Amino acid sequence: MLKELRLHGDVEEHTSIKFLNTYHIGGTTRYLISPNSINDLIAVLKILKENNINYFILGNGSNIIFNSREYNGAIIRLNKLNGIEIHPDMEMVYAEAGVLLPKLSQDVVNESLTGLEFAAGIPGTVGGAIYGNAGAYNACILDYVESVTVLDEKYNVKILEHEDITYSYRTSMFKEKKNMIILAVKFFLKKGDKENSLKVLEDRRRRRLESQPLEYPSAGSVFRNPEGDFAGRLIESCELKGHRIGGAEVSKKHANFIINIENATSEDIYELINYVHDTVLHKTNVDLIIEQEFIDWE
């Protein structure tokens, strides 16, 4: 099987997943596969199915929490699906799932298109961003999508138009349709003033540096903001800034960030998230919704 898999991309066995996620936690994975193309991805999925091996599609690992065990399956990275096509005259951008959002937002601005400046500081991939409807500064990525190219459970490549996609704040239909893989996205944008957009990009990056604990591994905002309020404000009001379990800490800089301050384990992160959630619920009666996703936890 391994020989067959390696015809379609890079394959590693029993490899660490610590640096495949932005928390820098987790154990190992039985297989780590990076398919060379969409056709190779389809071939890989068929091989895994024939051998009864589970799989998980991984973007940049910026909103997920692995446990410390070995994942008994295949983690599939789409980092080789990284093509970008920008057509300024048509106000259209096509990006494959493995493209990093900061690169896409910069490339789009360089071509005098506006709309994706908000994504400059989001450390995820296009595919992951669509999956979770990533956003910042009162904008969300699916508002700018014309269509999404997906692979369904029968290995058919389909195009979903904007009106076919249901989504809301920090979630999308793709979270429910686990057997539908995001391959590429077509964005509709507008022509803009390049110099002004470059200033906006720089402002977004500066504000991110000033407000977020980027010097430590984290996975961004832990909880969704409840309607009419901010998760960070609620957590801070409960005096949880700096609260620590093992090597995991509620950031003193931004209360809605949990950071890996000193060799945190997956369990440290897990326990601290639950402690923060339960404390806020007890003290404020607000049931915060976790934005991050636990992978292969029982």
Protein backbone atom coordinates (compact mmCIF):
# COMPACT_ATOMS: atom_id res chain seq x y z
CA MET A 1 0.00 0.00 0.00
CA LEU A 2 2.77 2.46 0.88
CA LYS A 3 4.40 1.98 -2.48
CA GLU A 4 1.09 2.74 -4.16
CA LEU A 5 0.48 5.81 -2.00
CA ARG A 6 3.92 7.21 -2.79
CA LEU A 7 3.03 7.30 -6.48
CA HIS A 8 0.64 10.13 -5.60
CA GLY A 9 2.59 12.31 -3.18
CA ASP A 10 4.81 12.49 -0.13
CA VAL A 11 4.12 9.87 2.55
CA GLU A 12 5.56 9.63 6.06
CA GLU A 13 4.87 6.98 8.71
CA HIS A 14 4.47 7.44 12.48
CA THR A 15 5.56 11.04 12.25
CA SER A 16 5.11 13.80 14.83
CA ILE A 17 2.23 16.20 14.33
CA LYS A 18 3.57 18.73 16.83
CA PHE A 19 4.60 21.22 14.17
CA LEU A 20 1.61 20.60 11.93
CA ASN A 21 -0.56 22.69 14.26
CA THR A 22 -0.10 26.15 15.67
CA TYR A 23 -0.40 25.05 19.32
CA HIS A 24 2.66 22.82 18.78
CA ILE A 25 1.01 19.93 20.61
CA GLY A 26 -0.08 16.39 19.82
CA GLY A 27 1.38 12.97 19.33
CA THR A 28 2.01 11.25 16.03
CA THR A 29 0.05 10.10 13.02
CA ARG A 30 0.16 6.68 11.42
CA TYR A 31 0.45 8.27 7.99
CA LEU A 32 1.08 11.83 6.83
CA ILE A 33 0.28 12.30 3.14
CA SER A 34 0.69 15.33 0.86
CA PRO A 35 -0.95 14.55 -2.51
CA ASN A 36 0.60 16.14 -5.59
CA SER A 37 -2.67 17.17 -7.24
CA ILE A 38 -6.45 16.82 -7.09
CA ASN A 39 -6.27 13.60 -9.13
CA ASP A 40 -3.63 12.28 -6.76
CA LEU A 41 -5.83 13.19 -3.80
CA ILE A 42 -8.66 11.15 -5.30
CA ALA A 43 -6.31 8.21 -5.81
CA VAL A 44 -5.07 8.47 -2.21
CA LEU A 45 -8.62 8.52 -0.85
CA LYS A 46 -9.51 5.41 -2.83
CA ILE A 47 -6.45 3.56 -1.55
CA LEU A 48 -7.25 4.50 2.04
CA LYS A 49 -10.85 3.36 1.64
CA GLU A 50 -9.77 0.02 0.17
CA ASN A 51 -7.59 -0.50 3.25
CA ASN A 52 -10.18 0.74 5.78
CA ILE A 53 -7.99 3.61 6.94
CA ASN A 54 -9.58 6.75 8.36
CA TYR A 55 -8.33 10.14 7.26
CA PHE A 56 -8.38 13.78 8.31
CA ILE A 57 -7.89 16.73 5.98
CA LEU A 58 -5.47 19.27 7.47
CA GLY A 59 -4.97 22.89 6.49
CA ASN A 60 -2.47 24.97 8.43
CA GLY A 61 -3.52 23.46 11.76
CA SER A 62 -4.49 26.87 13.14
CA ASN A 63 -7.86 26.07 14.70
CA ILE A 64 -7.51 22.48 15.86
CA ILE A 65 -6.45 20.57 18.95
CA PHE A 66 -4.89 17.13 18.58
CA ASN A 67 -4.53 14.78 21.53
CA SER A 68 -1.27 13.20 22.64
CA ARG A 69 -1.90 9.75 21.21
CA GLU A 70 -1.10 8.53 17.74
CA TYR A 71 -3.82 9.27 15.22
CA ASN A 72 -4.61 5.80 13.87
CA GLY A 73 -5.21 6.91 10.32
CA ALA A 74 -3.90 9.28 7.68
CA ILE A 75 -3.57 13.02 7.99
CA ILE A 76 -3.80 14.49 4.52
CA ARG A 77 -2.21 17.89 3.92
CA LEU A 78 -3.32 19.87 0.88
CA ASN A 79 -0.26 22.14 0.95
CA LYS A 80 0.61 21.19 -2.65
CA LEU A 81 -2.76 22.47 -3.85
CA ASN A 82 -1.44 26.03 -3.76
CA GLY A 83 -2.30 27.58 -7.11
CA ILE A 84 -3.57 31.17 -7.38
CA GLU A 85 -5.10 32.88 -10.41
CA ILE A 86 -5.89 36.60 -10.21
CA HIS A 87 -7.92 38.33 -12.91
CA PRO A 88 -8.15 42.03 -11.98
CA ASP A 89 -10.23 43.01 -15.02
CA MET A 90 -12.84 40.40 -14.10
CA GLU A 91 -12.57 41.21 -10.37
CA MET A 92 -12.11 37.49 -9.80
CA VAL A 93 -9.61 35.40 -7.86
CA TYR A 94 -9.24 31.61 -7.91
CA ALA A 95 -7.27 29.98 -5.09
CA GLU A 96 -6.69 26.33 -4.28
CA ALA A 97 -7.34 25.00 -0.79
CA GLY A 98 -3.71 24.92 0.35
CA VAL A 99 -3.00 28.61 -0.28
CA LEU A 100 -2.16 30.54 2.89
CA LEU A 101 -4.54 33.41 3.60
CA PRO A 102 -1.87 36.06 4.36
CA LYS A 103 -0.23 35.35 0.99
CA LEU A 104 -3.56 35.48 -0.82
CA SER A 105 -4.56 38.78 0.75
CA GLN A 106 -1.18 40.30 -0.15
CA ASP A 107 -1.25 39.00 -3.73
CA VAL A 108 -4.78 40.32 -4.24
CA VAL A 109 -3.87 43.79 -3.00
CA ASN A 110 -0.79 43.80 -5.24
CA GLU A 111 -3.21 43.44 -8.17
CA SER A 112 -5.32 46.39 -6.94
CA LEU A 113 -8.26 44.29 -5.78
CA THR A 114 -9.91 44.92 -2.44
CA GLY A 115 -12.00 42.82 -0.07
CA LEU A 116 -9.63 40.36 1.57
CA GLU A 117 -7.52 42.80 3.59
CA PHE A 118 -9.16 41.49 6.79
CA ALA A 119 -7.55 38.08 6.18
CA ALA A 120 -3.96 39.35 6.28
CA GLY A 121 -3.46 38.21 9.86
CA ILE A 122 -5.37 34.92 9.78
CA PRO A 123 -2.78 32.09 9.90
CA GLY A 124 -4.82 29.54 7.99
CA THR A 125 -5.32 28.14 4.52
CA VAL A 126 -8.09 28.96 2.07
CA GLY A 127 -9.67 25.54 2.61
CA GLY A 128 -9.59 25.80 6.38
CA ALA A 129 -10.91 29.35 6.27
CA ILE A 130 -13.91 28.33 4.18
CA TYR A 131 -14.55 25.33 6.43
CA GLY A 132 -14.75 27.53 9.53
CA ASN A 133 -15.91 30.74 7.82
CA ALA A 134 -12.89 32.58 9.20
CA GLY A 135 -13.10 36.28 9.73
CA ALA A 136 -11.88 39.42 11.45
CA TYR A 137 -12.85 43.09 11.75
CA ASN A 138 -16.56 42.34 11.23
CA ALA A 139 -15.89 40.53 7.95
CA CYS A 140 -16.11 36.82 7.14
CA ILE A 141 -14.58 35.05 4.19
CA LEU A 142 -17.68 33.34 2.81
CA ASP A 143 -19.25 36.74 2.13
CA TYR A 144 -16.66 37.16 -0.64
CA VAL A 145 -17.03 33.73 -2.21
CA GLU A 146 -18.58 33.22 -5.64
CA SER A 147 -18.19 29.44 -5.66
CA VAL A 148 -16.41 26.56 -3.94
CA THR A 149 -15.04 23.53 -5.77
CA VAL A 150 -15.44 20.38 -3.69
CA LEU A 151 -14.88 16.66 -3.87
CA ASP A 152 -17.88 14.62 -2.74
CA GLU A 153 -17.99 11.17 -1.14
CA LYS A 154 -18.23 9.52 -4.57
CA TYR A 155 -15.05 11.29 -5.74
CA ASN A 156 -16.94 13.65 -8.03
CA VAL A 157 -15.61 17.19 -8.38
CA LYS A 158 -18.49 19.64 -8.01
CA ILE A 159 -18.88 23.40 -7.96
CA LEU A 160 -21.13 24.91 -5.30
CA GLU A 161 -22.37 28.40 -6.06
CA HIS A 162 -22.61 30.99 -3.31
CA GLU A 163 -26.36 30.51 -2.93
CA ASP A 164 -25.81 26.77 -2.36
CA ILE A 165 -23.58 27.37 0.66
CA THR A 166 -25.08 27.88 4.10
CA TYR A 167 -22.96 29.59 6.72
CA SER A 168 -23.03 31.88 9.72
CA TYR A 169 -20.60 33.40 12.20
CA ARG A 170 -17.50 31.16 12.38
CA THR A 171 -19.17 28.10 10.91
CA SER A 172 -20.32 26.65 7.60
CA MET A 173 -22.16 23.69 6.12
CA PHE A 174 -18.79 22.01 5.55
CA LYS A 175 -18.48 21.30 9.28
CA GLU A 176 -21.52 19.05 8.96
CA LYS A 177 -20.49 17.52 5.63
CA LYS A 178 -17.24 15.89 6.71
CA ASN A 179 -17.08 13.77 3.55
CA MET A 180 -17.04 16.86 1.34
CA ILE A 181 -13.49 18.13 0.73
CA ILE A 182 -12.84 21.75 -0.22
CA LEU A 183 -10.49 21.88 -3.21
CA ALA A 184 -10.57 25.47 -4.43
CA VAL A 185 -12.45 28.74 -4.13
CA LYS A 186 -13.45 31.49 -6.53
CA PHE A 187 -13.73 34.93 -4.92
CA PHE A 188 -15.58 37.96 -6.21
CA LEU A 189 -13.80 41.17 -5.23
CA LYS A 190 -13.72 44.79 -6.32
CA LYS A 191 -11.13 47.05 -7.84
CA GLY A 192 -9.56 49.25 -5.22
CA ASP A 193 -6.84 51.74 -4.51
CA LYS A 194 -3.64 49.74 -4.13
CA GLU A 195 -1.85 52.23 -1.89
CA ASN A 196 -4.83 52.51 0.43
CA SER A 197 -5.21 48.72 0.60
CA LEU A 198 -1.51 48.33 1.40
CA LYS A 199 -1.97 50.75 4.31
CA VAL A 200 -4.93 48.71 5.53
CA LEU A 201 -2.85 45.51 5.35
CA GLU A 202 -0.07 47.11 7.36
CA ASP A 203 -2.58 48.42 9.91
CA ARG A 204 -4.11 44.95 10.31
CA ARG A 205 -0.68 43.40 10.86
CA ARG A 206 0.31 46.09 13.35
CA ARG A 207 -2.91 45.73 15.34
CA ARG A 208 -2.46 41.98 15.42
CA LEU A 209 1.07 42.31 16.79
CA GLU A 210 -0.09 44.76 19.42
CA SER A 211 -3.15 42.85 20.58
CA GLN A 212 -2.27 39.16 20.24
CA PRO A 213 0.38 36.99 21.98
CA LEU A 214 2.16 36.02 18.76
CA GLU A 215 5.39 35.21 20.58
CA TYR A 216 3.83 31.97 21.86
CA PRO A 217 2.19 29.05 20.04
CA SER A 218 -1.60 29.34 20.05
CA ALA A 219 -4.56 28.64 17.79
CA GLY A 220 -6.09 32.10 17.81
CA SER A 221 -9.43 32.87 19.42
CA VAL A 222 -10.63 29.96 21.53
CA PHE A 223 -14.28 30.95 21.82
CA ARG A 224 -16.75 32.64 19.50
CA ASN A 225 -17.91 36.07 20.56
CA PRO A 226 -21.45 35.85 21.94
CA GLU A 227 -23.97 38.19 20.38
CA GLY A 228 -23.49 41.73 21.66
CA ASP A 229 -20.37 40.94 23.68
CA PHE A 230 -16.79 39.68 23.45
CA ALA A 231 -15.49 36.37 24.76
CA GLY A 232 -12.24 38.04 25.78
CA ARG A 233 -14.07 40.62 27.90
CA LEU A 234 -16.08 37.93 29.67
CA ILE A 235 -12.99 35.83 30.38
CA GLU A 236 -11.12 38.85 31.68
CA SER A 237 -14.08 39.83 33.88
CA CYS A 238 -13.75 36.41 35.53
CA GLU A 239 -10.12 37.27 36.37
CA LEU A 240 -8.78 34.39 34.30
CA LYS A 241 -5.95 36.21 32.52
CA GLY A 242 -2.74 34.41 33.42
CA HIS A 243 -4.54 31.33 34.77
CA ARG A 244 -2.41 28.32 34.05
CA ILE A 245 -2.74 24.55 33.85
CA GLY A 246 0.57 22.79 33.21
CA GLY A 247 2.27 24.55 30.31
CA ALA A 248 -0.93 26.18 29.03
CA GLU A 249 -1.93 29.71 30.03
CA VAL A 250 -4.75 32.16 29.40
CA SER A 251 -2.86 34.97 27.69
CA LYS A 252 -2.28 38.11 29.75
CA LYS A 253 -2.35 40.06 26.49
CA HIS A 254 -5.65 38.75 25.07
CA ALA A 255 -7.94 36.71 27.31
CA ASN A 256 -9.52 34.77 24.42
CA PHE A 257 -6.15 33.26 23.55
CA ILE A 258 -4.73 30.21 25.27
CA ILE A 259 -1.00 29.92 24.73
CA ASN A 260 1.54 27.14 24.94
CA ILE A 261 3.85 28.97 27.30
CA GLU A 262 6.03 26.06 28.45
CA ASN A 263 5.87 22.70 26.68
CA ALA A 264 2.12 22.36 27.15
CA THR A 265 0.54 19.00 26.44
CA SER A 266 -2.68 18.49 24.55
CA GLU A 267 -4.32 17.65 27.86
CA ASP A 268 -3.14 20.93 29.40
CA ILE A 269 -4.81 22.88 26.58
CA TYR A 270 -7.96 20.75 26.78
CA GLU A 271 -8.32 21.12 30.54
CA LEU A 272 -7.70 24.87 30.49
CA ILE A 273 -10.26 25.48 27.74
CA ASN A 274 -12.86 23.56 29.72
CA TYR A 275 -11.93 25.34 32.94
CA VAL A 276 -12.34 28.75 31.29
CA HIS A 277 -15.65 27.72 29.72
CA ASP A 278 -17.06 26.40 33.00
CA THR A 279 -15.86 29.39 35.02
CA VAL A 280 -17.42 31.91 32.63
CA LEU A 281 -20.67 29.92 32.59
CA HIS A 282 -20.78 29.78 36.39
CA LYS A 283 -19.96 33.46 36.94
CA THR A 284 -21.78 35.13 34.03
CA ASN A 285 -24.34 32.54 32.87
CA VAL A 286 -22.91 32.84 29.33
CA ASP A 287 -22.31 29.50 27.61
CA LEU A 288 -19.33 30.28 25.38
CA ILE A 289 -19.08 28.25 22.18
CA ILE A 290 -15.66 26.78 21.45
CA GLU A 291 -14.38 27.96 18.08
CA GLN A 292 -11.54 25.45 17.92
CA GLU A 293 -12.03 21.80 16.99
CA PHE A 294 -10.88 18.76 18.97
CA ILE A 295 -9.52 16.06 16.66
CA ASP A 296 -9.79 12.36 17.58
CA TRP A 297 -10.68 12.95 21.23
CA GLU A 298 -12.88 10.40 22.98
